[in-house]
Amino acid sequence: MSISGHLRELQRDGIDLVAILGGDTTLAPDQLREILRKLPRGAEEKLYSELLYHLTLQRYPEEEARRLWDLVLRHKERLARQLGRNLGFRVALLDYFTNKQQLLRGVRIISSDRFEELLNQIDTDDLTQVYNRRYFMEQLNRELQRARRYGSKVSLLLVDVDNFKLYNDTHGHVAGDAALRKIASALATNARVSDLVCRYGGDEFAIICPRTVKHDALTLAERLRNAVAELDLRPKLRGAEPVTLSVGVATFPDDAEESLALIEQADRSLFAAKQEAEKLASFQREAPR
């Protein structure tokens, strides 16, 4: 599950991190540490970025997000002194972002339930419920910017579902859609919390792996292949090969330094992986039994 997903779960459980970190709710330090400890590993590295996105649908690098958060806190304190009452962090943020910095324009007020719907529609693929291609491109560019700033690696996995067309043709489109949902769920479950699993298009997925060298990305690719193999999805055709994965891996900056070039390199790696898999399958079919 994404960090945003965990934040929404906390809010449904009555734990409002915006109110806590925005100074509206007072917690003992050990209580706050316990809440943060339950977040996914690596969540604190981009917590304020995720919180601001949760509130504004605009993304900022973590250091910029933390700076803005502190500015809103100070603005909230000034408003409280002037008005003699606490307006709350959300109201202070709205005033600061619209009147002070003009980072938001034409703001509309909607219910939190409707806002959650919009978040899901904007970022999520309807069928598989992993992130969509628009979000993938946005986040790949952002992760590469962060990697340049800190001198770190980013690995990209392009995943193609082998034999899916035959599975879809023999089982029907409804079963094919269900199979894609199972595959997407297996990818999301077996990826790390910091990884972003996205549907790239059709039966292709893309996974962004921040702070990941190629060796670790290849290890993840093998884990994902095994997870999908365990689903045992088979076309309705005697002797047909089961649905499997081919995975291409490329790493920034070793293989490419720009997002499109990194995608192209991962795609070439994917093509090579598919060719190797086809050779192995052909050898196994022709081998004497």
Protein backbone atom coordinates (compact mmCIF):
# COMPACT_ATOMS: atom_id res chain seq x y z
CA MET A 1 0.00 0.00 0.00
CA SER A 2 1.19 3.53 -0.78
CA ILE A 3 2.03 6.04 1.94
CA SER A 4 -1.06 8.04 0.95
CA GLY A 5 -3.13 4.90 1.42
CA HIS A 6 -1.74 4.44 4.92
CA LEU A 7 -2.48 8.08 5.75
CA ARG A 8 -6.08 7.63 4.63
CA GLU A 9 -6.37 4.46 6.71
CA LEU A 10 -5.10 6.32 9.78
CA GLN A 11 -7.68 9.04 9.21
CA ARG A 12 -10.46 6.45 8.93
CA ASP A 13 -9.24 5.08 12.27
CA GLY A 14 -9.58 8.53 13.82
CA ILE A 15 -5.86 9.40 13.68
CA ASP A 16 -5.48 12.71 11.83
CA LEU A 17 -1.78 13.27 11.13
CA VAL A 18 -2.53 16.67 9.61
CA ALA A 19 -4.10 17.80 12.89
CA ILE A 20 -1.32 16.20 14.95
CA LEU A 21 1.64 17.59 12.98
CA GLY A 22 -0.27 20.82 12.40
CA GLY A 23 -0.54 21.45 16.13
CA ASP A 24 -4.33 21.08 16.38
CA THR A 25 -4.09 17.90 18.46
CA THR A 26 -1.61 17.42 21.28
CA LEU A 27 0.09 14.05 21.64
CA ALA A 28 2.87 12.84 23.90
CA PRO A 29 6.13 12.32 21.95
CA ASP A 30 6.02 8.55 22.54
CA GLN A 31 2.45 8.39 21.16
CA LEU A 32 3.51 10.22 18.01
CA ARG A 33 6.55 7.97 17.61
CA GLU A 34 4.30 4.93 17.88
CA ILE A 35 2.00 6.26 15.13
CA LEU A 36 4.94 7.06 12.84
CA ARG A 37 6.50 3.66 13.56
CA LYS A 38 3.46 1.97 12.02
CA LEU A 39 3.92 3.79 8.73
CA PRO A 40 5.73 1.94 5.91
CA ARG A 41 9.50 1.87 5.96
CA GLY A 42 10.86 5.02 4.37
CA ALA A 43 7.59 6.93 4.88
CA GLU A 44 9.17 9.61 7.06
CA GLU A 45 11.50 10.55 4.20
CA LYS A 46 8.56 11.98 2.23
CA LEU A 47 5.89 12.37 4.89
CA TYR A 48 5.29 16.11 4.52
CA SER A 49 5.29 15.84 0.73
CA GLU A 50 2.55 13.20 0.98
CA LEU A 51 0.58 15.21 3.54
CA LEU A 52 0.60 18.33 1.36
CA TYR A 53 -0.43 16.26 -1.65
CA HIS A 54 -3.22 14.78 0.46
CA LEU A 55 -4.42 18.33 1.20
CA THR A 56 -3.76 20.19 -2.07
CA LEU A 57 -3.22 17.65 -4.89
CA GLN A 58 0.11 19.38 -5.53
CA ARG A 59 3.42 17.62 -4.97
CA TYR A 60 6.57 19.20 -3.58
CA PRO A 61 10.03 17.75 -2.88
CA GLU A 62 10.20 16.72 0.77
CA GLU A 63 12.53 19.51 1.85
CA GLU A 64 10.28 22.11 0.17
CA ALA A 65 7.19 20.48 1.68
CA ARG A 66 8.71 20.61 5.16
CA ARG A 67 9.61 24.29 4.67
CA LEU A 68 6.05 25.09 3.55
CA TRP A 69 4.63 23.14 6.49
CA ASP A 70 6.67 25.21 8.94
CA LEU A 71 5.60 28.43 7.23
CA VAL A 72 1.94 27.44 7.53
CA LEU A 73 2.46 26.60 11.21
CA ARG A 74 3.85 30.10 11.82
CA HIS A 75 1.00 31.61 9.80
CA LYS A 76 -1.49 29.68 11.92
CA GLU A 77 0.07 31.08 15.10
CA ARG A 78 -0.15 34.64 13.75
CA LEU A 79 -3.81 34.17 12.82
CA ALA A 80 -4.54 32.76 16.28
CA ARG A 81 -2.98 35.81 17.94
CA GLN A 82 -4.86 38.23 15.71
CA LEU A 83 -8.26 36.54 16.01
CA GLY A 84 -7.96 35.21 19.54
CA ARG A 85 -8.87 31.66 18.53
CA ASN A 86 -7.31 28.62 16.88
CA LEU A 87 -8.51 28.32 13.27
CA GLY A 88 -6.88 24.93 12.71
CA PHE A 89 -4.04 23.94 10.41
CA ARG A 90 -6.23 23.30 7.36
CA VAL A 91 -7.78 26.77 7.47
CA ALA A 92 -4.34 28.34 7.98
CA LEU A 93 -2.98 26.36 5.03
CA LEU A 94 -5.85 27.47 2.81
CA ASP A 95 -5.29 31.11 3.73
CA TYR A 96 -1.51 30.87 3.32
CA PHE A 97 -1.64 29.00 0.00
CA THR A 98 -4.31 31.27 -1.50
CA ASN A 99 -3.57 34.71 -0.04
CA LYS A 100 0.08 34.71 1.03
CA GLN A 101 1.86 32.53 -1.54
CA GLN A 102 -0.88 32.14 -4.16
CA LEU A 103 0.06 28.50 -4.65
CA LEU A 104 -3.61 27.56 -5.03
CA ARG A 105 -6.19 29.32 -7.17
CA GLY A 106 -9.95 28.95 -7.55
CA VAL A 107 -10.23 26.66 -4.53
CA ARG A 108 -13.47 24.73 -4.09
CA ILE A 109 -14.66 23.27 -0.81
CA ILE A 110 -15.70 19.61 -1.03
CA SER A 111 -16.30 16.84 1.50
CA SER A 112 -13.47 14.59 2.56
CA ASP A 113 -15.24 11.50 1.11
CA ARG A 114 -15.54 13.19 -2.29
CA PHE A 115 -11.90 14.27 -2.07
CA GLU A 116 -10.85 10.66 -1.49
CA GLU A 117 -12.80 9.68 -4.59
CA LEU A 118 -10.99 12.31 -6.63
CA LEU A 119 -7.60 11.17 -5.34
CA ASN A 120 -8.33 7.62 -6.43
CA GLN A 121 -9.63 8.71 -9.83
CA ILE A 122 -6.62 10.89 -10.54
CA ASP A 123 -3.85 8.46 -9.60
CA THR A 124 -5.34 4.97 -9.85
CA ASP A 125 -5.97 2.64 -12.77
CA ASP A 126 -9.66 1.71 -12.68
CA LEU A 127 -9.21 -1.97 -13.48
CA THR A 128 -6.15 -3.00 -11.47
CA GLN A 129 -6.22 -0.41 -8.66
CA VAL A 130 -2.48 0.22 -8.93
CA TYR A 131 -1.18 3.61 -10.04
CA ASN A 132 -1.93 4.71 -13.60
CA ARG A 133 0.43 5.75 -16.39
CA ARG A 134 0.01 9.49 -15.83
CA TYR A 135 1.07 9.07 -12.20
CA PHE A 136 3.95 6.82 -13.30
CA MET A 137 5.44 9.48 -15.58
CA GLU A 138 4.99 12.19 -12.95
CA GLN A 139 6.67 10.13 -10.24
CA LEU A 140 9.49 8.83 -12.44
CA ASN A 141 10.50 12.41 -13.25
CA ARG A 142 10.25 13.36 -9.58
CA GLU A 143 12.34 10.39 -8.40
CA LEU A 144 15.04 11.12 -10.97
CA GLN A 145 15.17 14.73 -9.79
CA ARG A 146 15.55 13.54 -6.20
CA ALA A 147 18.24 11.03 -7.22
CA ARG A 148 20.22 13.74 -9.00
CA ARG A 149 20.03 15.94 -5.93
CA TYR A 150 21.23 13.26 -3.52
CA GLY A 151 23.45 11.22 -5.82
CA SER A 152 21.36 8.08 -5.43
CA LYS A 153 20.11 5.37 -7.79
CA VAL A 154 16.64 4.71 -9.20
CA SER A 155 15.78 1.45 -10.88
CA LEU A 156 12.88 0.93 -13.26
CA LEU A 157 11.19 -2.39 -13.96
CA LEU A 158 9.05 -2.85 -17.08
CA VAL A 159 6.88 -5.94 -16.72
CA ASP A 160 5.11 -7.77 -19.54
CA VAL A 161 2.59 -10.54 -18.89
CA ASP A 162 3.48 -13.50 -21.12
CA ASN A 163 0.71 -15.64 -22.65
CA PHE A 164 -1.94 -13.20 -21.48
CA LYS A 165 -3.52 -12.84 -24.93
CA LEU A 166 -4.03 -16.60 -25.15
CA TYR A 167 -5.43 -16.64 -21.60
CA ASN A 168 -7.78 -13.79 -22.49
CA ASP A 169 -8.87 -15.45 -25.76
CA THR A 170 -9.57 -18.84 -24.17
CA HIS A 171 -11.13 -17.70 -20.89
CA GLY A 172 -12.90 -14.56 -22.09
CA HIS A 173 -12.43 -10.87 -21.31
CA VAL A 174 -14.12 -10.95 -17.91
CA ALA A 175 -11.75 -13.67 -16.71
CA GLY A 176 -8.89 -11.81 -18.37
CA ASP A 177 -9.70 -8.67 -16.40
CA ALA A 178 -9.85 -10.72 -13.20
CA ALA A 179 -6.45 -12.22 -14.01
CA LEU A 180 -4.94 -8.75 -14.53
CA ARG A 181 -6.30 -7.70 -11.14
CA LYS A 182 -4.71 -10.77 -9.51
CA ILE A 183 -1.39 -10.07 -11.21
CA ALA A 184 -1.47 -6.38 -10.17
CA SER A 185 -2.25 -7.42 -6.60
CA ALA A 186 0.65 -9.89 -6.60
CA LEU A 187 3.00 -7.18 -7.85
CA ALA A 188 1.84 -4.67 -5.24
CA THR A 189 2.00 -7.24 -2.43
CA ASN A 190 5.49 -8.43 -3.26
CA ALA A 191 7.02 -5.05 -4.10
CA ARG A 192 8.55 -3.02 -1.30
CA VAL A 193 6.63 -0.20 0.35
CA SER A 194 8.86 2.43 -1.28
CA ASP A 195 8.28 0.97 -4.77
CA LEU A 196 5.54 2.39 -7.01
CA VAL A 197 3.61 -0.23 -8.99
CA CYS A 198 1.84 1.25 -12.02
CA ARG A 199 -0.12 -0.07 -14.96
CA TYR A 200 1.80 1.05 -18.03
CA GLY A 201 -0.82 -0.09 -20.53
CA GLY A 202 -2.66 -3.25 -21.56
CA ASP A 203 -0.89 -6.17 -19.90
CA GLU A 204 2.26 -4.16 -19.10
CA PHE A 205 3.22 -2.76 -15.72
CA ALA A 206 6.01 -0.43 -14.61
CA ILE A 207 7.61 -0.34 -11.17
CA ILE A 208 9.71 2.58 -9.92
CA CYS A 209 12.26 1.57 -7.28
CA PRO A 210 13.79 4.61 -5.52
CA ARG A 211 17.27 4.27 -3.99
CA THR A 212 17.72 0.86 -5.63
CA VAL A 213 20.81 -0.48 -7.40
CA LYS A 214 20.43 -2.86 -10.32
CA HIS A 215 21.36 -5.98 -8.36
CA ASP A 216 18.53 -5.35 -5.88
CA ALA A 217 16.13 -4.53 -8.72
CA LEU A 218 16.94 -7.86 -10.39
CA THR A 219 16.28 -9.63 -7.09
CA LEU A 220 12.90 -7.91 -6.88
CA ALA A 221 12.15 -8.90 -10.49
CA GLU A 222 12.77 -12.56 -9.65
CA ARG A 223 10.51 -12.33 -6.60
CA LEU A 224 7.72 -10.85 -8.73
CA ARG A 225 8.11 -13.56 -11.38
CA ASN A 226 7.80 -16.25 -8.73
CA ALA A 227 4.76 -14.57 -7.16
CA VAL A 228 2.87 -14.51 -10.48
CA ALA A 229 3.94 -18.08 -11.33
CA GLU A 230 2.34 -19.17 -8.04
CA LEU A 231 -1.01 -17.81 -9.25
CA ASP A 232 -1.01 -20.69 -11.77
CA LEU A 233 -3.04 -18.86 -14.41
CA ARG A 234 -3.32 -21.17 -17.43
CA PRO A 235 -4.99 -20.72 -20.84
CA LYS A 236 -7.77 -23.21 -21.64
CA LEU A 237 -5.68 -25.06 -24.18
CA ARG A 238 -3.97 -28.40 -23.75
CA GLY A 239 -0.22 -28.00 -23.44
CA ALA A 240 -0.36 -24.19 -23.29
CA GLU A 241 2.27 -22.43 -21.21
CA PRO A 242 0.99 -20.71 -18.05
CA VAL A 243 0.86 -16.96 -17.65
CA THR A 244 4.29 -15.70 -16.56
CA LEU A 245 6.23 -12.45 -16.41
CA SER A 246 9.09 -11.05 -18.41
CA VAL A 247 10.87 -8.16 -16.71
CA GLY A 248 13.26 -5.57 -18.08
CA VAL A 249 15.42 -3.56 -15.69
CA ALA A 250 17.22 -0.25 -16.16
CA THR A 251 18.94 1.90 -13.54
CA PHE A 252 19.56 5.64 -13.28
CA PRO A 253 22.18 6.94 -13.86
CA ASP A 254 24.05 3.78 -14.97
CA ASP A 255 21.88 3.08 -18.03
CA ALA A 256 20.30 6.46 -18.73
CA GLU A 257 19.97 9.91 -17.17
CA GLU A 258 16.55 11.02 -18.43
CA SER A 259 13.15 9.43 -17.89
CA LEU A 260 12.33 8.58 -21.53
CA ALA A 261 15.81 7.17 -22.12
CA LEU A 262 15.49 5.08 -18.96
CA ILE A 263 12.14 3.70 -20.17
CA GLU A 264 13.67 2.88 -23.57
CA GLN A 265 16.56 1.06 -21.91
CA ALA A 266 14.20 -0.93 -19.68
CA ASP A 267 12.13 -1.76 -22.78
CA ARG A 268 15.23 -3.09 -24.56
CA SER A 269 16.04 -5.16 -21.50
CA LEU A 270 12.46 -6.45 -21.49
CA PHE A 271 12.71 -7.45 -25.16
CA ALA A 272 15.93 -9.35 -24.44
CA ALA A 273 14.29 -11.10 -21.47
CA LYS A 274 11.32 -12.17 -23.62
CA GLN A 275 13.65 -13.54 -26.31
CA GLU A 276 15.60 -15.51 -23.71
CA ALA A 277 12.36 -16.91 -22.25
CA GLU A 278 11.15 -17.97 -25.70
CA LYS A 279 14.45 -19.74 -26.42
CA LEU A 280 14.23 -21.59 -23.11
CA ALA A 281 10.61 -22.60 -23.74
CA SER A 282 11.49 -23.83 -27.24
CA PHE A 283 14.42 -25.85 -25.88
CA GLN A 284 12.22 -27.45 -23.22
CA ARG A 285 9.55 -28.37 -25.78
CA GLU A 286 12.12 -29.98 -28.07
CA ALA A 287 14.06 -31.79 -25.36
CA PRO A 288 13.51 -35.60 -25.31
CA ARG A 289 11.21 -36.80 -22.53
